Amino acid sequence: MSTLKRILIVDDHPLYRDGLRARLCARPDFSVVGEAGTSAEGLRMTKELTPDLAVVDISLPDGSGIELTREMRAVRPDMPVLIVSMHAKLDFIAAAFQAGASGYMSKESGGEGILQAIDTVLAGGQYLDGSLSPTVLRRLNDISGRKAKTVDASYGTLSLREQQVMRLLAEGLTPEEIAAKLFVSRKTVLNHRYSIMTKLGIKSPMAFVRHAARLGLIDIDE
């Protein structure tokens, strides 16, 4: 007999939640233990209800589902998060997996698709909706490969998020653009930039560029 899996739904559209709950409850091994319409509610329910899985939308009225994913995984590292979204851009997908999501699927996929996704992530796997471009996985792997080539003692003192911010700064993005890309506030990006420069002993923008070039974060052939 299957163990009952407790599922939390975080989406600000009541009709979508109703439809998803009905589909999930049709499975005898699934139980929807909570529904939230905001990031704050989703995080609170994660702490109080200890679900086995969270199904999270990216666009929430009080923040990003991607940032919520990061917060959920900090509270419950063993709980998989499945992102369900209308957005199919690489930036969103990459940010979701970097935040700790176990799966990403389009809301336009059929109901059987989400059941397959849930089964996959509950079994410990990763899921990427087949309706999304297969080039996404290759590009995500390319990103991981470029990160792996960066070896430097000082660079290793940075957190993963600081390394990500440093790479985007090195690519010439503004704090505002980085905030939009990572689904965080401009203030958060500025705090990361200050921390990066402090840890690496960087005193000026020119020194930052030189340091980034030495680390291989800037591709001079592009």
C-alpha atoms as a PDB file:
ATOM      1  CA  MET A   1       0.000   0.000   0.000  1.00  0.00           C
ATOM      2  CA  SER A   2       1.369   3.411  -1.019  1.00  0.00           C
ATOM      3  CA  THR A   3       2.369   5.919   1.616  1.00  0.00           C
ATOM      4  CA  LEU A   4       0.141   9.008   1.570  1.00  0.00           C
ATOM      5  CA  LYS A   5       2.004  12.023   0.153  1.00  0.00           C
ATOM      6  CA  ARG A   6       1.098  15.394   1.617  1.00  0.00           C
ATOM      7  CA  ILE A   7       1.055  18.175  -0.991  1.00  0.00           C
ATOM      8  CA  LEU A   8       0.993  21.966  -0.626  1.00  0.00           C
ATOM      9  CA  ILE A   9      -0.286  24.131  -3.509  1.00  0.00           C
ATOM     10  CA  VAL A  10       0.913  27.749  -3.775  1.00  0.00           C
ATOM     11  CA  ASP A  11      -0.849  29.697  -6.522  1.00  0.00           C
ATOM     12  CA  ASP A  12      -2.797  32.951  -6.462  1.00  0.00           C
ATOM     13  CA  HIS A  13      -5.493  31.759  -8.900  1.00  0.00           C
ATOM     14  CA  PRO A  14      -8.322  30.007  -6.978  1.00  0.00           C
ATOM     15  CA  LEU A  15      -9.685  28.303 -10.099  1.00  0.00           C
ATOM     16  CA  TYR A  16      -6.314  26.791 -10.905  1.00  0.00           C
ATOM     17  CA  ARG A  17      -5.920  25.609  -7.306  1.00  0.00           C
ATOM     18  CA  ASP A  18      -9.404  24.060  -7.426  1.00  0.00           C
ATOM     19  CA  GLY A  19      -8.641  22.159 -10.616  1.00  0.00           C
ATOM     20  CA  LEU A  20      -5.250  20.968  -9.397  1.00  0.00           C
ATOM     21  CA  ARG A  21      -6.632  19.912  -6.024  1.00  0.00           C
ATOM     22  CA  ALA A  22      -9.390  17.899  -7.693  1.00  0.00           C
ATOM     23  CA  ARG A  23      -6.897  16.108  -9.935  1.00  0.00           C
ATOM     24  CA  LEU A  24      -4.510  15.361  -7.074  1.00  0.00           C
ATOM     25  CA  CYS A  25      -7.236  14.182  -4.724  1.00  0.00           C
ATOM     26  CA  ALA A  26      -8.354  11.686  -7.355  1.00  0.00           C
ATOM     27  CA  ARG A  27      -5.163   9.812  -6.514  1.00  0.00           C
ATOM     28  CA  PRO A  28      -5.573   7.738  -3.332  1.00  0.00           C
ATOM     29  CA  ASP A  29      -1.894   8.234  -2.460  1.00  0.00           C
ATOM     30  CA  PHE A  30      -2.081  12.063  -2.594  1.00  0.00           C
ATOM     31  CA  SER A  31      -3.485  14.446  -0.006  1.00  0.00           C
ATOM     32  CA  VAL A  32      -3.635  18.226  -0.468  1.00  0.00           C
ATOM     33  CA  VAL A  33      -2.873  19.462   3.042  1.00  0.00           C
ATOM     34  CA  GLY A  34      -2.808  23.174   2.272  1.00  0.00           C
ATOM     35  CA  GLU A  35      -3.426  25.883  -0.315  1.00  0.00           C
ATOM     36  CA  ALA A  36      -1.783  29.293  -0.314  1.00  0.00           C
ATOM     37  CA  GLY A  37      -2.243  32.339  -2.508  1.00  0.00           C
ATOM     38  CA  THR A  38       0.891  34.237  -1.459  1.00  0.00           C
ATOM     39  CA  SER A  39       4.561  33.588  -0.746  1.00  0.00           C
ATOM     40  CA  ALA A  40       4.099  34.443   2.923  1.00  0.00           C
ATOM     41  CA  GLU A  41       1.263  31.936   3.304  1.00  0.00           C
ATOM     42  CA  GLY A  42       3.225  29.311   1.410  1.00  0.00           C
ATOM     43  CA  LEU A  43       6.256  29.649   3.672  1.00  0.00           C
ATOM     44  CA  ARG A  44       4.101  29.602   6.810  1.00  0.00           C
ATOM     45  CA  MET A  45       2.294  26.456   5.677  1.00  0.00           C
ATOM     46  CA  THR A  46       5.604  24.803   4.795  1.00  0.00           C
ATOM     47  CA  LYS A  47       6.687  25.272   8.401  1.00  0.00           C
ATOM     48  CA  GLU A  48       3.362  24.352  10.008  1.00  0.00           C
ATOM     49  CA  LEU A  49       2.102  21.521   7.782  1.00  0.00           C
ATOM     50  CA  THR A  50       5.429  19.841   6.848  1.00  0.00           C
ATOM     51  CA  PRO A  51       4.254  18.711   3.382  1.00  0.00           C
ATOM     52  CA  ASP A  52       6.115  16.123   1.331  1.00  0.00           C
ATOM     53  CA  LEU A  53       5.929  18.274  -1.804  1.00  0.00           C
ATOM     54  CA  ALA A  54       5.108  21.855  -2.784  1.00  0.00           C
ATOM     55  CA  VAL A  55       3.649  22.835  -6.160  1.00  0.00           C
ATOM     56  CA  VAL A  56       4.514  26.511  -6.636  1.00  0.00           C
ATOM     57  CA  ASP A  57       3.665  29.158  -9.234  1.00  0.00           C
ATOM     58  CA  ILE A  58       6.355  31.701 -10.128  1.00  0.00           C
ATOM     59  CA  SER A  59       4.145  34.805 -10.152  1.00  0.00           C
ATOM     60  CA  LEU A  60       2.741  35.510  -6.698  1.00  0.00           C
ATOM     61  CA  PRO A  61       1.291  38.817  -5.466  1.00  0.00           C
ATOM     62  CA  ASP A  62       3.887  39.351  -2.732  1.00  0.00           C
ATOM     63  CA  GLY A  63       6.994  37.994  -4.445  1.00  0.00           C
ATOM     64  CA  SER A  64       8.470  35.353  -6.680  1.00  0.00           C
ATOM     65  CA  GLY A  65       7.816  31.653  -6.401  1.00  0.00           C
ATOM     66  CA  ILE A  66      11.495  31.158  -7.165  1.00  0.00           C
ATOM     67  CA  GLU A  67      12.575  33.090  -4.089  1.00  0.00           C
ATOM     68  CA  LEU A  68       9.891  31.210  -2.141  1.00  0.00           C
ATOM     69  CA  THR A  69      11.413  27.944  -3.374  1.00  0.00           C
ATOM     70  CA  ARG A  70      14.770  28.987  -1.940  1.00  0.00           C
ATOM     71  CA  GLU A  71      13.132  29.844   1.413  1.00  0.00           C
ATOM     72  CA  MET A  72      11.163  26.596   1.480  1.00  0.00           C
ATOM     73  CA  ARG A  73      14.268  24.505   0.838  1.00  0.00           C
ATOM     74  CA  ALA A  74      16.065  26.348   3.634  1.00  0.00           C
ATOM     75  CA  VAL A  75      13.266  25.329   6.012  1.00  0.00           C
ATOM     76  CA  ARG A  76      12.787  21.821   4.614  1.00  0.00           C
ATOM     77  CA  PRO A  77      15.837  20.725   2.584  1.00  0.00           C
ATOM     78  CA  ASP A  78      14.308  17.291   1.943  1.00  0.00           C
ATOM     79  CA  MET A  79      11.059  18.642   0.421  1.00  0.00           C
ATOM     80  CA  PRO A  80      10.970  18.739  -3.397  1.00  0.00           C
ATOM     81  CA  VAL A  81       9.423  21.792  -5.040  1.00  0.00           C
ATOM     82  CA  LEU A  82       7.730  21.613  -8.438  1.00  0.00           C
ATOM     83  CA  ILE A  83       7.445  24.932 -10.265  1.00  0.00           C
ATOM     84  CA  VAL A  84       4.363  25.272 -12.465  1.00  0.00           C
ATOM     85  CA  SER A  85       4.350  28.406 -14.574  1.00  0.00           C
ATOM     86  CA  MET A  86       3.236  30.153 -17.754  1.00  0.00           C
ATOM     87  CA  HIS A  87       6.860  31.269 -18.263  1.00  0.00           C
ATOM     88  CA  ALA A  88       9.062  29.063 -20.444  1.00  0.00           C
ATOM     89  CA  LYS A  89      12.163  31.267 -20.772  1.00  0.00           C
ATOM     90  CA  LEU A  90      15.581  29.870 -19.943  1.00  0.00           C
ATOM     91  CA  ASP A  91      16.181  32.556 -17.322  1.00  0.00           C
ATOM     92  CA  PHE A  92      13.145  31.461 -15.332  1.00  0.00           C
ATOM     93  CA  ILE A  93      13.947  27.762 -15.642  1.00  0.00           C
ATOM     94  CA  ALA A  94      17.611  28.203 -14.721  1.00  0.00           C
ATOM     95  CA  ALA A  95      16.728  30.401 -11.743  1.00  0.00           C
ATOM     96  CA  ALA A  96      14.178  27.842 -10.533  1.00  0.00           C
ATOM     97  CA  PHE A  97      16.643  24.943 -10.530  1.00  0.00           C
ATOM     98  CA  GLN A  98      19.367  27.118  -9.008  1.00  0.00           C
ATOM     99  CA  ALA A  99      16.936  28.010  -6.212  1.00  0.00           C
ATOM    100  CA  GLY A 100      16.499  24.322  -5.447  1.00  0.00           C
ATOM    101  CA  ALA A 101      13.428  23.327  -7.466  1.00  0.00           C
ATOM    102  CA  SER A 102      13.265  19.663  -8.430  1.00  0.00           C
ATOM    103  CA  GLY A 103      11.009  20.194 -11.413  1.00  0.00           C
ATOM    104  CA  TYR A 104       9.645  22.807 -13.794  1.00  0.00           C
ATOM    105  CA  MET A 105       6.610  22.497 -16.015  1.00  0.00           C
ATOM    106  CA  SER A 106       4.302  24.652 -18.087  1.00  0.00           C
ATOM    107  CA  LYS A 107       0.757  25.344 -16.948  1.00  0.00           C
ATOM    108  CA  GLU A 108      -0.297  24.574 -20.503  1.00  0.00           C
ATOM    109  CA  SER A 109       0.658  20.921 -20.081  1.00  0.00           C
ATOM    110  CA  GLY A 110      -2.113  18.440 -19.510  1.00  0.00           C
ATOM    111  CA  GLY A 111      -3.162  17.040 -16.173  1.00  0.00           C
ATOM    112  CA  GLU A 112      -1.347  13.764 -16.743  1.00  0.00           C
ATOM    113  CA  GLY A 113       1.843  15.760 -17.188  1.00  0.00           C
ATOM    114  CA  ILE A 114       1.716  17.223 -13.711  1.00  0.00           C
ATOM    115  CA  LEU A 115       1.031  13.810 -12.200  1.00  0.00           C
ATOM    116  CA  GLN A 116       4.099  12.451 -13.990  1.00  0.00           C
ATOM    117  CA  ALA A 117       6.139  15.426 -12.769  1.00  0.00           C
ATOM    118  CA  ILE A 118       5.005  14.933  -9.178  1.00  0.00           C
ATOM    119  CA  ASP A 119       5.757  11.205  -9.257  1.00  0.00           C
ATOM    120  CA  THR A 120       9.222  11.935 -10.661  1.00  0.00           C
ATOM    121  CA  VAL A 121      10.258  14.531  -8.083  1.00  0.00           C
ATOM    122  CA  LEU A 122       8.764  12.560  -5.185  1.00  0.00           C
ATOM    123  CA  ALA A 123      10.934   9.636  -6.292  1.00  0.00           C
ATOM    124  CA  GLY A 124      14.003  11.863  -6.004  1.00  0.00           C
ATOM    125  CA  GLY A 125      14.371  12.749  -9.673  1.00  0.00           C
ATOM    126  CA  GLN A 126      14.362  16.014 -11.591  1.00  0.00           C
ATOM    127  CA  TYR A 127      11.655  16.889 -14.072  1.00  0.00           C
ATOM    128  CA  LEU A 128      11.592  19.302 -17.005  1.00  0.00           C
ATOM    129  CA  ASP A 129       8.375  19.539 -18.970  1.00  0.00           C
ATOM    130  CA  GLY A 130       8.724  17.841 -22.351  1.00  0.00           C
ATOM    131  CA  SER A 131       6.818  20.737 -23.952  1.00  0.00           C
ATOM    132  CA  LEU A 132       9.744  23.023 -23.163  1.00  0.00           C
ATOM    133  CA  SER A 133      12.620  23.291 -25.612  1.00  0.00           C
ATOM    134  CA  PRO A 134      15.151  20.424 -25.307  1.00  0.00           C
ATOM    135  CA  THR A 135      17.905  23.012 -25.778  1.00  0.00           C
ATOM    136  CA  VAL A 136      17.130  24.261 -22.268  1.00  0.00           C
ATOM    137  CA  LEU A 137      18.842  21.302 -20.606  1.00  0.00           C
ATOM    138  CA  ARG A 138      21.890  21.634 -22.839  1.00  0.00           C
ATOM    139  CA  ARG A 139      22.209  25.325 -22.031  1.00  0.00           C
ATOM    140  CA  LEU A 140      21.767  24.648 -18.315  1.00  0.00           C
ATOM    141  CA  ASN A 141      24.542  22.072 -18.531  1.00  0.00           C
ATOM    142  CA  ASP A 142      26.718  24.604 -20.367  1.00  0.00           C
ATOM    143  CA  ILE A 143      26.152  27.101 -17.560  1.00  0.00           C
ATOM    144  CA  SER A 144      27.152  24.482 -14.982  1.00  0.00           C
ATOM    145  CA  GLY A 145      30.251  23.623 -17.001  1.00  0.00           C
ATOM    146  CA  ARG A 146      31.382  27.239 -17.149  1.00  0.00           C
ATOM    147  CA  LYS A 147      30.938  27.564 -13.402  1.00  0.00           C
ATOM    148  CA  ALA A 148      32.974  24.425 -12.793  1.00  0.00           C
ATOM    149  CA  LYS A 149      35.929  25.898 -14.717  1.00  0.00           C
ATOM    150  CA  THR A 150      36.229  28.786 -12.279  1.00  0.00           C
ATOM    151  CA  VAL A 151      38.817  27.749  -9.709  1.00  0.00           C
ATOM    152  CA  ASP A 152      40.214  30.357  -7.370  1.00  0.00           C
ATOM    153  CA  ALA A 153      40.649  30.334  -3.599  1.00  0.00           C
ATOM    154  CA  SER A 154      39.079  33.748  -3.072  1.00  0.00           C
ATOM    155  CA  TYR A 155      36.222  32.999  -5.471  1.00  0.00           C
ATOM    156  CA  GLY A 156      35.491  29.899  -3.433  1.00  0.00           C
ATOM    157  CA  THR A 157      34.804  32.036  -0.360  1.00  0.00           C
ATOM    158  CA  LEU A 158      31.732  33.466  -2.081  1.00  0.00           C
ATOM    159  CA  SER A 159      28.330  31.897  -1.590  1.00  0.00           C
ATOM    160  CA  LEU A 160      26.648  30.356  -4.633  1.00  0.00           C
ATOM    161  CA  ARG A 161      24.362  33.367  -4.923  1.00  0.00           C
ATOM    162  CA  GLU A 162      27.322  35.764  -4.656  1.00  0.00           C
ATOM    163  CA  GLN A 163      29.110  33.853  -7.411  1.00  0.00           C
ATOM    164  CA  GLN A 164      25.988  34.135  -9.541  1.00  0.00           C
ATOM    165  CA  VAL A 165      25.711  37.881  -8.919  1.00  0.00           C
ATOM    166  CA  MET A 166      29.410  38.381  -9.660  1.00  0.00           C
ATOM    167  CA  ARG A 167      29.072  36.558 -12.971  1.00  0.00           C
ATOM    168  CA  LEU A 168      26.093  38.701 -13.987  1.00  0.00           C
ATOM    169  CA  LEU A 169      27.875  41.889 -12.958  1.00  0.00           C
ATOM    170  CA  ALA A 170      30.866  40.763 -15.005  1.00  0.00           C
ATOM    171  CA  GLU A 171      28.549  40.297 -17.996  1.00  0.00           C
ATOM    172  CA  GLY A 172      27.622  43.973 -17.697  1.00  0.00           C
ATOM    173  CA  LEU A 173      24.161  43.706 -16.178  1.00  0.00           C
ATOM    174  CA  THR A 174      22.988  46.516 -13.911  1.00  0.00           C
ATOM    175  CA  PRO A 175      21.786  45.823 -10.348  1.00  0.00           C
ATOM    176  CA  GLU A 176      18.235  46.459 -11.556  1.00  0.00           C
ATOM    177  CA  GLU A 177      18.604  43.923 -14.384  1.00  0.00           C
ATOM    178  CA  ILE A 178      20.137  41.365 -12.040  1.00  0.00           C
ATOM    179  CA  ALA A 179      17.330  41.865  -9.519  1.00  0.00           C
ATOM    180  CA  ALA A 180      14.756  41.171 -12.229  1.00  0.00           C
ATOM    181  CA  LYS A 181      16.696  38.166 -13.513  1.00  0.00           C
ATOM    182  CA  LEU A 182      17.105  36.566 -10.077  1.00  0.00           C
ATOM    183  CA  PHE A 183      13.704  37.605  -8.735  1.00  0.00           C
ATOM    184  CA  VAL A 184      15.131  39.516  -5.792  1.00  0.00           C
ATOM    185  CA  SER A 185      15.175  43.179  -4.790  1.00  0.00           C
ATOM    186  CA  ARG A 186      17.722  45.736  -6.011  1.00  0.00           C
ATOM    187  CA  LYS A 187      18.811  46.173  -2.389  1.00  0.00           C
ATOM    188  CA  THR A 188      19.604  42.449  -2.160  1.00  0.00           C
ATOM    189  CA  VAL A 189      21.795  42.675  -5.271  1.00  0.00           C
ATOM    190  CA  LEU A 190      23.624  45.722  -3.880  1.00  0.00           C
ATOM    191  CA  ASN A 191      24.214  43.873  -0.604  1.00  0.00           C
ATOM    192  CA  HIS A 192      25.663  40.918  -2.519  1.00  0.00           C
ATOM    193  CA  ARG A 193      27.888  43.252  -4.555  1.00  0.00           C
ATOM    194  CA  TYR A 194      29.220  44.854  -1.378  1.00  0.00           C
ATOM    195  CA  SER A 195      29.882  41.432   0.153  1.00  0.00           C
ATOM    196  CA  ILE A 196      31.652  40.248  -3.020  1.00  0.00           C
ATOM    197  CA  MET A 197      33.945  43.277  -3.151  1.00  0.00           C
ATOM    198  CA  THR A 198      34.697  42.983   0.574  1.00  0.00           C
ATOM    199  CA  LYS A 199      35.541  39.268   0.429  1.00  0.00           C
ATOM    200  CA  LEU A 200      37.702  39.647  -2.676  1.00  0.00           C
ATOM    201  CA  GLY A 201      39.366  42.867  -1.559  1.00  0.00           C
ATOM    202  CA  ILE A 202      38.107  44.752  -4.613  1.00  0.00           C
ATOM    203  CA  LYS A 203      38.188  48.536  -4.223  1.00  0.00           C
ATOM    204  CA  SER A 204      36.941  49.870  -7.560  1.00  0.00           C
ATOM    205  CA  PRO A 205      34.875  48.964 -10.649  1.00  0.00           C
ATOM    206  CA  MET A 206      38.069  48.636 -12.711  1.00  0.00           C
ATOM    207  CA  ALA A 207      39.556  46.271 -10.152  1.00  0.00           C
ATOM    208  CA  PHE A 208      36.335  44.276 -10.309  1.00  0.00           C
ATOM    209  CA  VAL A 209      36.647  43.927 -14.090  1.00  0.00           C
ATOM    210  CA  ARG A 210      40.295  42.843 -13.824  1.00  0.00           C
ATOM    211  CA  HIS A 211      39.452  40.280 -11.147  1.00  0.00           C
ATOM    212  CA  ALA A 212      36.506  38.920 -13.177  1.00  0.00           C
ATOM    213  CA  ALA A 213      38.709  38.622 -16.275  1.00  0.00           C
ATOM    214  CA  ARG A 214      41.380  36.747 -14.307  1.00  0.00           C
ATOM    215  CA  LEU A 215      38.725  34.309 -13.069  1.00  0.00           C
ATOM    216  CA  GLY A 216      37.477  33.744 -16.593  1.00  0.00           C
ATOM    217  CA  LEU A 217      34.072  35.267 -15.896  1.00  0.00           C
ATOM    218  CA  ILE A 218      34.458  37.624 -18.841  1.00  0.00           C
ATOM    219  CA  ASP A 219      34.831  36.049 -22.259  1.00  0.00           C
ATOM    220  CA  ILE A 220      36.949  38.479 -24.277  1.00  0.00           C
ATOM    221  CA  ASP A 221      36.116  36.612 -27.499  1.00  0.00           C
ATOM    222  CA  GLU A 222      32.450  37.567 -27.330  1.00  0.00           C
END
